[in-house]
């Protein structure tokens, strides 16, 4: 593993830790929305930075000694942007769940929350929204795992399906997200 790789991973981990550290400080839904908006703004800034780096790379010849540091900076900017995008998406899920609960836990909190003092109410509502979101994510992961296992069983039992699936495997791989890839790899082992 190169020093750049270690530094990039350290930067990504630091950004993730910073994003997580700002969440417990939220005391109201408005502050949570502001945190999400800051994450979106940071992602947009990083996207602009990546575009500028791509333009600089396009202007350089392939053997230019300035390319490797710029390419490393581009990878870091994209990874950090992806982290902020993921954080913003998670925060949006939590906000949506807090504003209109759909699962039984959040609905129960909605019944209890009006009887609690304001300082205790907001963390309870946001915590219930987070629990609901995490439960939904767990159910989606289980569903994706069962689909992957079903494909594996079908490939094992039907040679024609296996041949057709293998022929289209590059399309599946090209459209998979990293999370889907990890879940499927885990499911088929």
C-alpha atoms as a PDB file:
ATOM      1  CA  UNK A   1       0.000   0.000   0.000  1.00  0.00           C
ATOM      2  CA  UNK A   2       1.485   3.348  -1.039  1.00  0.00           C
ATOM      3  CA  UNK A   3       1.797   6.419   1.150  1.00  0.00           C
ATOM      4  CA  UNK A   4      -0.729   8.227  -1.059  1.00  0.00           C
ATOM      5  CA  UNK A   5      -3.209   5.426  -0.543  1.00  0.00           C
ATOM      6  CA  UNK A   6      -2.729   5.581   3.213  1.00  0.00           C
ATOM      7  CA  UNK A   7      -3.095   9.369   3.176  1.00  0.00           C
ATOM      8  CA  UNK A   8      -6.215   9.162   1.013  1.00  0.00           C
ATOM      9  CA  UNK A   9      -7.787   6.605   3.330  1.00  0.00           C
ATOM     10  CA  UNK A  10      -6.852   8.718   6.333  1.00  0.00           C
ATOM     11  CA  UNK A  11      -8.440  11.789   4.736  1.00  0.00           C
ATOM     12  CA  UNK A  12     -11.606   9.875   3.913  1.00  0.00           C
ATOM     13  CA  UNK A  13     -11.789   8.467   7.462  1.00  0.00           C
ATOM     14  CA  UNK A  14     -11.230  11.938   8.929  1.00  0.00           C
ATOM     15  CA  UNK A  15     -14.041  13.385   6.788  1.00  0.00           C
ATOM     16  CA  UNK A  16     -16.372  10.579   7.856  1.00  0.00           C
ATOM     17  CA  UNK A  17     -15.465  11.064  11.526  1.00  0.00           C
ATOM     18  CA  UNK A  18     -16.033  14.808  11.219  1.00  0.00           C
ATOM     19  CA  UNK A  19     -19.430  14.210   9.662  1.00  0.00           C
ATOM     20  CA  UNK A  20     -20.367  11.795  12.448  1.00  0.00           C
ATOM     21  CA  UNK A  21     -19.134  14.140  15.165  1.00  0.00           C
ATOM     22  CA  UNK A  22     -21.396  16.942  13.954  1.00  0.00           C
ATOM     23  CA  UNK A  23     -24.542  14.798  14.158  1.00  0.00           C
ATOM     24  CA  UNK A  24     -24.693  14.333  17.976  1.00  0.00           C
ATOM     25  CA  UNK A  25     -24.438  18.108  18.403  1.00  0.00           C
ATOM     26  CA  UNK A  26     -27.782  18.608  16.687  1.00  0.00           C
ATOM     27  CA  UNK A  27     -30.499  19.569  19.120  1.00  0.00           C
ATOM     28  CA  UNK A  28     -33.304  20.349  16.730  1.00  0.00           C
ATOM     29  CA  UNK A  29     -34.646  19.292  13.392  1.00  0.00           C
ATOM     30  CA  UNK A  30     -33.629  22.663  11.958  1.00  0.00           C
ATOM     31  CA  UNK A  31     -30.016  22.060  12.976  1.00  0.00           C
ATOM     32  CA  UNK A  32     -30.136  18.615  11.411  1.00  0.00           C
ATOM     33  CA  UNK A  33     -31.439  20.143   8.183  1.00  0.00           C
ATOM     34  CA  UNK A  34     -28.655  22.738   8.317  1.00  0.00           C
ATOM     35  CA  UNK A  35     -26.085  19.950   8.789  1.00  0.00           C
ATOM     36  CA  UNK A  36     -27.488  18.141   5.763  1.00  0.00           C
ATOM     37  CA  UNK A  37     -27.375  21.350   3.744  1.00  0.00           C
ATOM     38  CA  UNK A  38     -23.728  21.876   4.733  1.00  0.00           C
ATOM     39  CA  UNK A  39     -22.933  18.315   3.629  1.00  0.00           C
ATOM     40  CA  UNK A  40     -24.607  18.986   0.272  1.00  0.00           C
ATOM     41  CA  UNK A  41     -22.683  22.249  -0.069  1.00  0.00           C
ATOM     42  CA  UNK A  42     -19.397  20.497   0.734  1.00  0.00           C
ATOM     43  CA  UNK A  43     -20.183  17.790  -1.832  1.00  0.00           C
ATOM     44  CA  UNK A  44     -20.891  20.474  -4.443  1.00  0.00           C
ATOM     45  CA  UNK A  45     -17.613  22.251  -3.611  1.00  0.00           C
ATOM     46  CA  UNK A  46     -15.714  18.972  -3.935  1.00  0.00           C
ATOM     47  CA  UNK A  47     -17.466  18.265  -7.224  1.00  0.00           C
ATOM     48  CA  UNK A  48     -16.332  21.648  -8.569  1.00  0.00           C
ATOM     49  CA  UNK A  49     -12.808  20.937  -7.319  1.00  0.00           C
ATOM     50  CA  UNK A  50     -12.815  17.556  -9.083  1.00  0.00           C
ATOM     51  CA  UNK A  51     -13.980  19.229 -12.294  1.00  0.00           C
ATOM     52  CA  UNK A  52     -11.142  21.748 -12.088  1.00  0.00           C
ATOM     53  CA  UNK A  53      -8.629  18.952 -11.505  1.00  0.00           C
ATOM     54  CA  UNK A  54     -10.044  17.004 -14.463  1.00  0.00           C
ATOM     55  CA  UNK A  55      -9.659  20.076 -16.663  1.00  0.00           C
ATOM     56  CA  UNK A  56      -6.066  20.535 -15.493  1.00  0.00           C
ATOM     57  CA  UNK A  57      -5.346  16.859 -16.205  1.00  0.00           C
ATOM     58  CA  UNK A  58      -6.858  17.141 -19.674  1.00  0.00           C
ATOM     59  CA  UNK A  59      -4.437  19.969 -20.465  1.00  0.00           C
ATOM     60  CA  UNK A  60      -1.362  17.963 -19.377  1.00  0.00           C
ATOM     61  CA  UNK A  61       0.482  15.492 -21.602  1.00  0.00           C
ATOM     62  CA  UNK A  62       0.299  11.832 -20.450  1.00  0.00           C
ATOM     63  CA  UNK A  63       3.938  11.716 -19.266  1.00  0.00           C
ATOM     64  CA  UNK A  64       3.878  15.015 -17.358  1.00  0.00           C
ATOM     65  CA  UNK A  65       5.329  14.665 -13.830  1.00  0.00           C
ATOM     66  CA  UNK A  66       2.483  16.796 -12.434  1.00  0.00           C
ATOM     67  CA  UNK A  67      -0.122  14.155 -13.375  1.00  0.00           C
ATOM     68  CA  UNK A  68       0.327  11.700 -10.447  1.00  0.00           C
ATOM     69  CA  UNK A  69      -0.273  14.281  -7.700  1.00  0.00           C
ATOM     70  CA  UNK A  70      -3.247  15.698  -9.601  1.00  0.00           C
ATOM     71  CA  UNK A  71      -4.685  12.220 -10.176  1.00  0.00           C
ATOM     72  CA  UNK A  72      -4.292  11.462  -6.453  1.00  0.00           C
ATOM     73  CA  UNK A  73      -5.997  14.758  -5.581  1.00  0.00           C
ATOM     74  CA  UNK A  74      -8.824  13.890  -7.990  1.00  0.00           C
ATOM     75  CA  UNK A  75      -9.352  10.500  -6.349  1.00  0.00           C
ATOM     76  CA  UNK A  76      -9.372  12.120  -2.893  1.00  0.00           C
ATOM     77  CA  UNK A  77     -11.844  14.791  -3.968  1.00  0.00           C
ATOM     78  CA  UNK A  78     -14.175  12.186  -5.459  1.00  0.00           C
ATOM     79  CA  UNK A  79     -13.965   9.957  -2.374  1.00  0.00           C
ATOM     80  CA  UNK A  80     -14.657  12.870  -0.047  1.00  0.00           C
ATOM     81  CA  UNK A  81     -17.554  13.984  -2.276  1.00  0.00           C
ATOM     82  CA  UNK A  82     -19.001  10.478  -2.176  1.00  0.00           C
ATOM     83  CA  UNK A  83     -18.801  10.515   1.628  1.00  0.00           C
ATOM     84  CA  UNK A  84     -20.598  13.841   1.844  1.00  0.00           C
ATOM     85  CA  UNK A  85     -23.212  12.642  -0.657  1.00  0.00           C
ATOM     86  CA  UNK A  86     -23.786   9.506   1.420  1.00  0.00           C
ATOM     87  CA  UNK A  87     -24.012  11.538   4.633  1.00  0.00           C
ATOM     88  CA  UNK A  88     -26.483  13.950   3.036  1.00  0.00           C
ATOM     89  CA  UNK A  89     -28.602  11.039   1.808  1.00  0.00           C
ATOM     90  CA  UNK A  90     -28.635   9.431   5.263  1.00  0.00           C
ATOM     91  CA  UNK A  91     -29.489  12.750   6.888  1.00  0.00           C
ATOM     92  CA  UNK A  92     -32.293  13.273   4.355  1.00  0.00           C
ATOM     93  CA  UNK A  93     -33.689   9.843   5.277  1.00  0.00           C
ATOM     94  CA  UNK A  94     -33.545  10.681   8.982  1.00  0.00           C
ATOM     95  CA  UNK A  95     -35.176  14.083   8.394  1.00  0.00           C
ATOM     96  CA  UNK A  96     -37.942  12.566   6.266  1.00  0.00           C
ATOM     97  CA  UNK A  97     -38.576   9.909   8.892  1.00  0.00           C
ATOM     98  CA  UNK A  98     -38.646  12.539  11.664  1.00  0.00           C
ATOM     99  CA  UNK A  99     -41.067  14.747   9.722  1.00  0.00           C
ATOM    100  CA  UNK A 100     -43.462  11.954   8.802  1.00  0.00           C
ATOM    101  CA  UNK A 101     -42.829   8.679  10.599  1.00  0.00           C
ATOM    102  CA  UNK A 102     -43.823   5.510   8.784  1.00  0.00           C
ATOM    103  CA  UNK A 103     -42.547   2.763  11.051  1.00  0.00           C
ATOM    104  CA  UNK A 104     -44.112   1.686  14.354  1.00  0.00           C
ATOM    105  CA  UNK A 105     -41.179   2.912  16.469  1.00  0.00           C
ATOM    106  CA  UNK A 106     -41.360   6.444  15.101  1.00  0.00           C
ATOM    107  CA  UNK A 107     -45.152   6.493  15.333  1.00  0.00           C
ATOM    108  CA  UNK A 108     -44.955   5.474  18.995  1.00  0.00           C
ATOM    109  CA  UNK A 109     -42.443   8.242  19.620  1.00  0.00           C
ATOM    110  CA  UNK A 110     -44.828  10.671  17.907  1.00  0.00           C
ATOM    111  CA  UNK A 111     -47.492   9.723  20.432  1.00  0.00           C
ATOM    112  CA  UNK A 112     -45.131  10.085  23.422  1.00  0.00           C
ATOM    113  CA  UNK A 113     -43.136  13.126  22.275  1.00  0.00           C
ATOM    114  CA  UNK A 114     -45.767  15.819  22.998  1.00  0.00           C
ATOM    115  CA  UNK A 115     -45.719  14.831  26.663  1.00  0.00           C
ATOM    116  CA  UNK A 116     -41.936  15.198  27.006  1.00  0.00           C
ATOM    117  CA  UNK A 117     -40.035  18.416  27.680  1.00  0.00           C
ATOM    118  CA  UNK A 118     -38.511  20.012  24.567  1.00  0.00           C
ATOM    119  CA  UNK A 119     -34.867  19.173  25.435  1.00  0.00           C
ATOM    120  CA  UNK A 120     -35.729  15.458  25.592  1.00  0.00           C
ATOM    121  CA  UNK A 121     -38.175  15.471  22.696  1.00  0.00           C
ATOM    122  CA  UNK A 122     -35.854  16.307  19.802  1.00  0.00           C
ATOM    123  CA  UNK A 123     -33.214  13.632  20.483  1.00  0.00           C
ATOM    124  CA  UNK A 124     -36.006  11.096  20.988  1.00  0.00           C
ATOM    125  CA  UNK A 125     -37.679  11.983  17.692  1.00  0.00           C
ATOM    126  CA  UNK A 126     -34.385  12.060  15.778  1.00  0.00           C
ATOM    127  CA  UNK A 127     -33.218   8.834  17.424  1.00  0.00           C
ATOM    128  CA  UNK A 128     -36.453   7.074  16.503  1.00  0.00           C
ATOM    129  CA  UNK A 129     -36.103   8.313  12.924  1.00  0.00           C
ATOM    130  CA  UNK A 130     -32.547   7.002  12.836  1.00  0.00           C
ATOM    131  CA  UNK A 131     -33.630   3.614  14.233  1.00  0.00           C
ATOM    132  CA  UNK A 132     -36.409   3.424  11.645  1.00  0.00           C
ATOM    133  CA  UNK A 133     -33.999   4.273   8.844  1.00  0.00           C
ATOM    134  CA  UNK A 134     -31.482   1.693  10.041  1.00  0.00           C
ATOM    135  CA  UNK A 135     -34.187  -0.974  10.277  1.00  0.00           C
ATOM    136  CA  UNK A 136     -35.333  -0.178   6.737  1.00  0.00           C
ATOM    137  CA  UNK A 137     -31.730  -0.335   5.519  1.00  0.00           C
ATOM    138  CA  UNK A 138     -31.313  -3.728   7.208  1.00  0.00           C
ATOM    139  CA  UNK A 139     -34.474  -5.044   5.523  1.00  0.00           C
ATOM    140  CA  UNK A 140     -33.290  -3.771   2.133  1.00  0.00           C
ATOM    141  CA  UNK A 141     -29.922  -5.454   2.660  1.00  0.00           C
ATOM    142  CA  UNK A 142     -31.654  -8.731   3.548  1.00  0.00           C
ATOM    143  CA  UNK A 143     -33.827  -8.430   0.442  1.00  0.00           C
ATOM    144  CA  UNK A 144     -30.827  -7.831  -1.805  1.00  0.00           C
ATOM    145  CA  UNK A 145     -29.032 -10.780  -0.213  1.00  0.00           C
ATOM    146  CA  UNK A 146     -32.009 -13.061  -0.886  1.00  0.00           C
ATOM    147  CA  UNK A 147     -32.132 -11.927  -4.533  1.00  0.00           C
ATOM    148  CA  UNK A 148     -28.413 -12.659  -4.934  1.00  0.00           C
ATOM    149  CA  UNK A 149     -28.836 -16.104  -3.390  1.00  0.00           C
ATOM    150  CA  UNK A 150     -31.817 -16.759  -5.683  1.00  0.00           C
ATOM    151  CA  UNK A 151     -29.703 -15.918  -8.734  1.00  0.00           C
ATOM    152  CA  UNK A 152     -26.968 -18.254  -7.524  1.00  0.00           C
ATOM    153  CA  UNK A 153     -29.442 -21.114  -7.013  1.00  0.00           C
ATOM    154  CA  UNK A 154     -30.984 -20.488 -10.440  1.00  0.00           C
ATOM    155  CA  UNK A 155     -27.522 -20.486 -12.053  1.00  0.00           C
ATOM    156  CA  UNK A 156     -26.672 -23.725 -10.293  1.00  0.00           C
ATOM    157  CA  UNK A 157     -29.933 -25.439 -11.314  1.00  0.00           C
ATOM    158  CA  UNK A 158     -30.383 -24.069 -14.851  1.00  0.00           C
ATOM    159  CA  UNK A 159     -27.390 -24.181 -17.236  1.00  0.00           C
ATOM    160  CA  UNK A 160     -29.196 -22.037 -19.831  1.00  0.00           C
ATOM    161  CA  UNK A 161     -29.856 -19.312 -17.266  1.00  0.00           C
ATOM    162  CA  UNK A 162     -26.243 -19.528 -16.118  1.00  0.00           C
ATOM    163  CA  UNK A 163     -24.988 -19.055 -19.686  1.00  0.00           C
ATOM    164  CA  UNK A 164     -27.283 -16.058 -20.299  1.00  0.00           C
ATOM    165  CA  UNK A 165     -26.444 -14.528 -16.921  1.00  0.00           C
ATOM    166  CA  UNK A 166     -22.706 -14.991 -17.532  1.00  0.00           C
ATOM    167  CA  UNK A 167     -23.067 -13.341 -20.942  1.00  0.00           C
ATOM    168  CA  UNK A 168     -24.693 -10.310 -19.273  1.00  0.00           C
ATOM    169  CA  UNK A 169     -22.456 -10.227 -16.183  1.00  0.00           C
ATOM    170  CA  UNK A 170     -20.462  -7.175 -17.375  1.00  0.00           C
ATOM    171  CA  UNK A 171     -23.691  -5.170 -17.545  1.00  0.00           C
ATOM    172  CA  UNK A 172     -24.619  -6.175 -13.997  1.00  0.00           C
ATOM    173  CA  UNK A 173     -21.143  -5.340 -12.703  1.00  0.00           C
ATOM    174  CA  UNK A 174     -21.056  -1.985 -14.470  1.00  0.00           C
ATOM    175  CA  UNK A 175     -24.324  -0.851 -12.901  1.00  0.00           C
ATOM    176  CA  UNK A 176     -23.750  -2.195  -9.370  1.00  0.00           C
ATOM    177  CA  UNK A 177     -22.999   0.173  -6.546  1.00  0.00           C
ATOM    178  CA  UNK A 178     -20.071  -0.718  -4.274  1.00  0.00           C
ATOM    179  CA  UNK A 179     -22.514  -1.606  -1.479  1.00  0.00           C
ATOM    180  CA  UNK A 180     -24.486  -3.936  -3.758  1.00  0.00           C
ATOM    181  CA  UNK A 181     -21.237  -5.558  -4.891  1.00  0.00           C
ATOM    182  CA  UNK A 182     -20.180  -6.213  -1.280  1.00  0.00           C
ATOM    183  CA  UNK A 183     -23.574  -7.597  -0.330  1.00  0.00           C
ATOM    184  CA  UNK A 184     -23.676  -9.899  -3.346  1.00  0.00           C
ATOM    185  CA  UNK A 185     -20.107 -11.106  -2.826  1.00  0.00           C
ATOM    186  CA  UNK A 186     -20.955 -11.877   0.808  1.00  0.00           C
ATOM    187  CA  UNK A 187     -24.211 -13.617  -0.159  1.00  0.00           C
ATOM    188  CA  UNK A 188     -22.656 -15.946  -2.719  1.00  0.00           C
ATOM    189  CA  UNK A 189     -19.757 -17.114  -0.531  1.00  0.00           C
END
